Amino acid sequence: MLLKTVTDYFITPETITYNYNGNKINTVESNGSSSTFTYNGDFIIKVEDLSEPSTITMNYLNDLLVSENQISASGNKFTTLTYNSDGSITENNNDSNGNPISRTIRFYSQGNCIKQESYSSTNGLMTLTGTILSTFDNKNSPYKNITGLYLWCKPLGMNVNNELSITSKNAAGIVTSVTQFTYQYNSQNYPVSISRISIPYTISPGANGGSFPGVPGPSTISSTYTYY
C-alpha cells in the first residue's frame, strides 16, 4: 500500500496529496504548494519546493544519511549526522557560516525514536532545552512502502510504527505537555484515521520551592489517511 492523502481537521481541513512513479515519490502537494523529489537509485537526494522557494540536498555514505543542506529564502542550514556507538544519532545544525544553531540527539528502539533531546546554541555553547519521550504501536506506518523515505528521514526522527503517546519535558525535566494518539486501522494494519489529544501543562510553584504541572485543558486534532 502507498499513502495517497492525509487530511488534517483542525480549524479548516487541509489535505496533503502524494504522487508516485512506482514506489518512488514524485511530488507532494498541499494548499497550492508542491514539493518535487529527485532520486539516485533508491536514495532521495533532493527535495525542491518552488513556492518558498527552498531546496534540500542529501548525502549518503554506506546507505546512511550523513549530511543535508537546506537553502531557502528564510535562511540556509547545514545538517550533519553522527551515528553513535549506543545506537543513538546526533543531528548537528549549523548556519551557512558554519556557526552552530542547534543539536538533537535521538535514541531508537526497534526502528522507532523513543527519546529525543534538543539543545540550542548560545555563543557556541549547547544547552539542553527539552526532552521528548514517545511510545509506539506495532502497526504499519502510513509511509512504510515509499522507497527511500525511511533511509532519509530515520536519522531525523521518522519511525517504522505509529506513536501512541508523546511526553514533552523542559530542561529541568518537568512535563510541559502530553499527547495521546488513538488509531483506526484497515485490514492490513495501516492507519485510516487518527485522533490526537494534547494536554498542555503549566508550571506552578510547589510547596517546597519546587514546581508541579497543572492542566489548563486539552485540545484535539484528527486526521484521515487514504491509500493507493
Protein backbone atom coordinates (compact mmCIF):
# COMPACT_ATOMS: atom_id res chain seq x y z
CA MET A 1 0.00 0.00 0.00
CA LEU A 2 1.13 3.54 -0.78
CA LEU A 3 -0.09 6.62 1.06
CA LYS A 4 -2.33 8.76 -1.17
CA THR A 5 -3.68 11.56 1.03
CA VAL A 6 -3.51 12.84 4.59
CA THR A 7 -6.29 15.20 5.66
CA ASP A 8 -5.89 17.11 8.93
CA TYR A 9 -9.01 18.51 10.59
CA PHE A 10 -8.29 21.42 12.88
CA ILE A 11 -9.69 24.88 12.14
CA THR A 12 -10.22 24.05 8.46
CA PRO A 13 -9.42 20.73 6.72
CA GLU A 14 -6.06 20.58 4.96
CA THR A 15 -5.18 17.75 2.56
CA ILE A 16 -1.70 16.63 1.52
CA THR A 17 -1.57 14.52 -1.67
CA TYR A 18 1.27 12.12 -2.56
CA ASN A 19 2.11 11.19 -6.17
CA TYR A 20 4.43 8.39 -7.26
CA ASN A 21 6.38 6.72 -10.02
CA GLY A 22 6.13 3.11 -8.91
CA ASN A 23 7.04 3.19 -5.21
CA LYS A 24 9.17 6.31 -5.63
CA ILE A 25 7.58 9.57 -4.60
CA ASN A 26 7.37 12.25 -7.32
CA THR A 27 5.57 15.17 -5.70
CA VAL A 28 3.78 16.18 -2.52
CA GLU A 29 1.02 18.77 -2.95
CA SER A 30 -0.78 20.83 -0.34
CA ASN A 31 -2.72 24.12 -0.47
CA GLY A 32 -1.31 25.13 -3.83
CA SER A 33 2.31 24.32 -2.93
CA SER A 34 4.24 21.40 -4.37
CA SER A 35 7.49 19.65 -3.47
CA THR A 36 9.39 17.63 -6.08
CA PHE A 37 11.63 14.65 -5.21
CA THR A 38 14.78 13.51 -7.04
CA TYR A 39 16.30 10.03 -6.68
CA ASN A 40 19.68 8.45 -7.26
CA GLY A 41 18.80 4.76 -7.38
CA ASP A 42 16.70 4.14 -4.27
CA PHE A 43 18.03 7.18 -2.41
CA ILE A 44 16.19 10.51 -2.21
CA ILE A 45 18.91 13.10 -2.92
CA LYS A 46 16.93 16.32 -3.45
CA VAL A 47 13.61 17.89 -2.47
CA GLU A 48 12.60 21.18 -4.09
CA ASP A 49 9.73 23.44 -3.07
CA LEU A 50 9.22 26.17 -5.65
CA SER A 51 6.60 28.02 -3.61
CA GLU A 52 9.03 29.09 -0.83
CA PRO A 53 11.44 28.55 -2.66
CA SER A 54 13.68 26.02 -0.91
CA THR A 55 15.95 23.12 -1.83
CA ILE A 56 17.18 20.28 0.38
CA THR A 57 20.05 18.09 -0.84
CA MET A 58 21.12 14.88 0.91
CA ASN A 59 24.41 12.98 1.05
CA TYR A 60 24.77 9.32 1.99
CA LEU A 61 27.65 7.04 2.97
CA ASN A 62 27.31 3.26 3.31
CA ASP A 63 23.49 3.57 2.98
CA LEU A 64 23.29 6.12 5.81
CA LEU A 65 22.37 9.80 5.60
CA VAL A 66 25.45 11.77 6.69
CA SER A 67 24.58 15.35 5.77
CA GLU A 68 21.82 17.57 4.48
CA ASN A 69 21.97 21.09 3.05
CA GLN A 70 18.86 23.29 3.08
CA ILE A 71 18.77 26.53 1.09
CA SER A 72 15.71 28.74 1.46
CA ALA A 73 14.58 32.36 1.41
CA SER A 74 14.34 32.34 5.20
CA GLY A 75 17.97 31.23 5.61
CA ASN A 76 20.32 28.34 4.96
CA LYS A 77 21.02 25.38 7.24
CA PHE A 78 23.63 22.65 7.03
CA THR A 79 23.00 19.43 8.95
CA THR A 80 25.45 16.65 9.77
CA LEU A 81 24.55 13.28 11.30
CA THR A 82 26.73 11.26 13.68
CA TYR A 83 25.95 7.61 14.41
CA ASN A 84 26.92 6.86 18.00
CA SER A 85 28.09 3.55 19.48
CA ASP A 86 24.97 3.24 21.67
CA GLY A 87 22.69 3.34 18.60
CA SER A 88 21.67 6.97 19.06
CA ILE A 89 22.01 9.52 16.26
CA THR A 90 23.18 13.12 16.74
CA GLU A 91 21.87 15.82 14.40
CA ASN A 92 24.01 18.98 14.35
CA ASN A 93 22.60 22.07 12.63
CA ASN A 94 24.78 24.98 11.52
CA ASP A 95 24.08 28.16 9.58
CA SER A 96 25.68 28.98 6.22
CA ASN A 97 28.74 30.40 8.00
CA GLY A 98 29.31 27.21 9.97
CA ASN A 99 28.02 28.61 13.24
CA PRO A 100 26.14 26.07 15.40
CA ILE A 101 22.37 26.57 15.65
CA SER A 102 21.03 23.52 17.42
CA ARG A 103 21.65 19.87 18.23
CA THR A 104 19.26 16.95 18.60
CA ILE A 105 20.16 13.50 19.93
CA ARG A 106 17.70 10.71 19.14
CA PHE A 107 17.55 7.28 20.78
CA TYR A 108 15.94 4.34 18.98
CA SER A 109 14.30 1.01 19.75
CA GLN A 110 13.01 -1.36 17.05
CA GLY A 111 13.23 1.36 14.41
CA ASN A 112 11.35 3.99 16.44
CA CYS A 113 12.65 7.17 18.06
CA ILE A 114 11.74 6.67 21.73
CA LYS A 115 13.66 9.64 23.14
CA GLN A 116 14.76 12.98 21.73
CA GLU A 117 16.97 15.54 23.46
CA SER A 118 17.01 19.06 22.00
CA TYR A 119 19.79 21.62 22.50
CA SER A 120 20.16 25.25 21.39
CA SER A 121 23.35 27.20 20.87
CA THR A 122 24.25 30.35 22.80
CA ASN A 123 27.65 31.78 21.90
CA GLY A 124 28.65 28.35 20.63
CA LEU A 125 27.64 26.56 23.84
CA MET A 126 24.94 23.89 23.51
CA THR A 127 22.30 23.94 26.26
CA LEU A 128 19.55 21.37 26.79
CA THR A 129 16.13 22.91 26.07
CA GLY A 130 13.85 19.89 26.32
CA THR A 131 13.28 16.15 26.04
CA ILE A 132 10.56 14.19 24.23
CA LEU A 133 9.63 10.60 25.15
CA SER A 134 7.48 8.52 22.77
CA THR A 135 5.70 5.16 22.83
CA PHE A 136 4.50 3.22 19.77
CA ASP A 137 2.07 0.62 18.50
CA ASN A 138 3.18 -2.42 16.45
CA LYS A 139 1.25 -1.47 13.28
CA ASN A 140 2.47 -0.17 9.92
CA SER A 141 3.45 3.45 9.41
CA PRO A 142 1.47 5.08 6.54
CA TYR A 143 4.84 5.92 4.93
CA LYS A 144 6.22 2.37 5.10
CA ASN A 145 6.36 1.50 1.40
CA ILE A 146 7.71 4.77 -0.02
CA THR A 147 11.13 3.98 -1.49
CA GLY A 148 13.98 5.84 0.20
CA LEU A 149 11.88 7.85 2.63
CA TYR A 150 12.90 5.98 5.79
CA LEU A 151 16.58 5.94 4.69
CA TRP A 152 16.44 9.72 4.50
CA CYS A 153 14.21 10.52 7.47
CA LYS A 154 15.04 7.92 10.14
CA PRO A 155 18.04 9.92 11.46
CA LEU A 156 15.71 12.95 11.58
CA GLY A 157 13.10 11.17 13.70
CA MET A 158 10.96 9.07 11.34
CA ASN A 159 9.52 5.81 12.74
CA VAL A 160 8.51 2.39 11.42
CA ASN A 161 5.41 2.27 13.63
CA ASN A 162 2.87 4.84 14.89
CA GLU A 163 3.17 6.97 18.01
CA LEU A 164 0.78 6.22 20.87
CA SER A 165 2.00 8.93 23.21
CA ILE A 166 4.41 11.86 23.35
CA THR A 167 5.57 13.34 26.64
CA SER A 168 7.45 16.64 26.45
CA LYS A 169 9.67 17.87 29.25
CA ASN A 170 11.55 21.12 29.73
CA ALA A 171 15.26 21.40 30.53
CA ALA A 172 14.54 20.82 34.22
CA GLY A 173 12.77 17.53 33.44
CA ILE A 174 9.29 18.85 34.24
CA VAL A 175 6.45 17.70 31.98
CA THR A 176 5.12 20.51 29.77
CA SER A 177 2.67 18.56 27.59
CA VAL A 178 1.34 15.08 26.93
CA THR A 179 -0.16 14.00 23.60
CA GLN A 180 -2.08 10.74 23.21
CA PHE A 181 -3.00 9.10 19.88
CA THR A 182 -5.93 6.82 19.02
CA TYR A 183 -5.97 4.99 15.66
CA GLN A 184 -8.40 3.14 13.45
CA TYR A 185 -6.66 0.61 11.19
CA ASN A 186 -7.59 -1.14 7.96
CA SER A 187 -7.37 -4.91 7.44
CA GLN A 188 -3.66 -4.61 6.60
CA ASN A 189 -2.85 -2.76 9.82
CA TYR A 190 -2.31 0.67 8.27
CA PRO A 191 -3.93 3.70 9.97
CA VAL A 192 -7.01 5.12 8.26
CA SER A 193 -7.78 7.68 10.95
CA ILE A 194 -6.11 9.16 13.98
CA SER A 195 -7.23 11.32 16.87
CA ARG A 196 -4.65 13.33 18.83
CA ILE A 197 -5.46 14.83 22.18
CA SER A 198 -2.82 17.19 23.57
CA ILE A 199 -2.79 18.30 27.18
CA PRO A 200 -0.58 21.36 27.79
CA TYR A 201 0.85 21.73 31.26
CA THR A 202 1.67 24.92 33.14
CA ILE A 203 4.35 25.14 35.77
CA SER A 204 3.17 26.37 39.18
CA PRO A 205 5.16 26.99 42.40
CA GLY A 206 5.47 23.98 44.66
CA ALA A 207 5.11 23.94 48.43
CA ASN A 208 8.84 23.26 48.93
CA GLY A 209 10.20 25.68 46.36
CA GLY A 210 9.85 23.15 43.55
CA SER A 211 7.10 23.04 40.94
CA PHE A 212 4.30 20.81 39.74
CA PRO A 213 2.36 20.54 36.48
CA GLY A 214 -1.19 21.83 36.22
CA VAL A 215 -3.62 21.00 33.42
CA PRO A 216 -5.37 24.00 31.78
CA GLY A 217 -7.29 21.85 29.28
CA PRO A 218 -6.83 19.53 26.30
CA SER A 219 -7.07 20.17 22.55
CA THR A 220 -7.91 17.56 19.91
CA ILE A 221 -6.89 17.20 16.25
CA SER A 222 -7.98 14.39 13.94
CA SER A 223 -6.61 13.14 10.59
CA THR A 224 -7.63 10.63 7.94
CA TYR A 225 -5.44 8.60 5.57
CA THR A 226 -6.21 7.12 2.14
CA TYR A 227 -4.06 4.73 0.11
CA TYR A 228 -3.49 3.64 -3.48
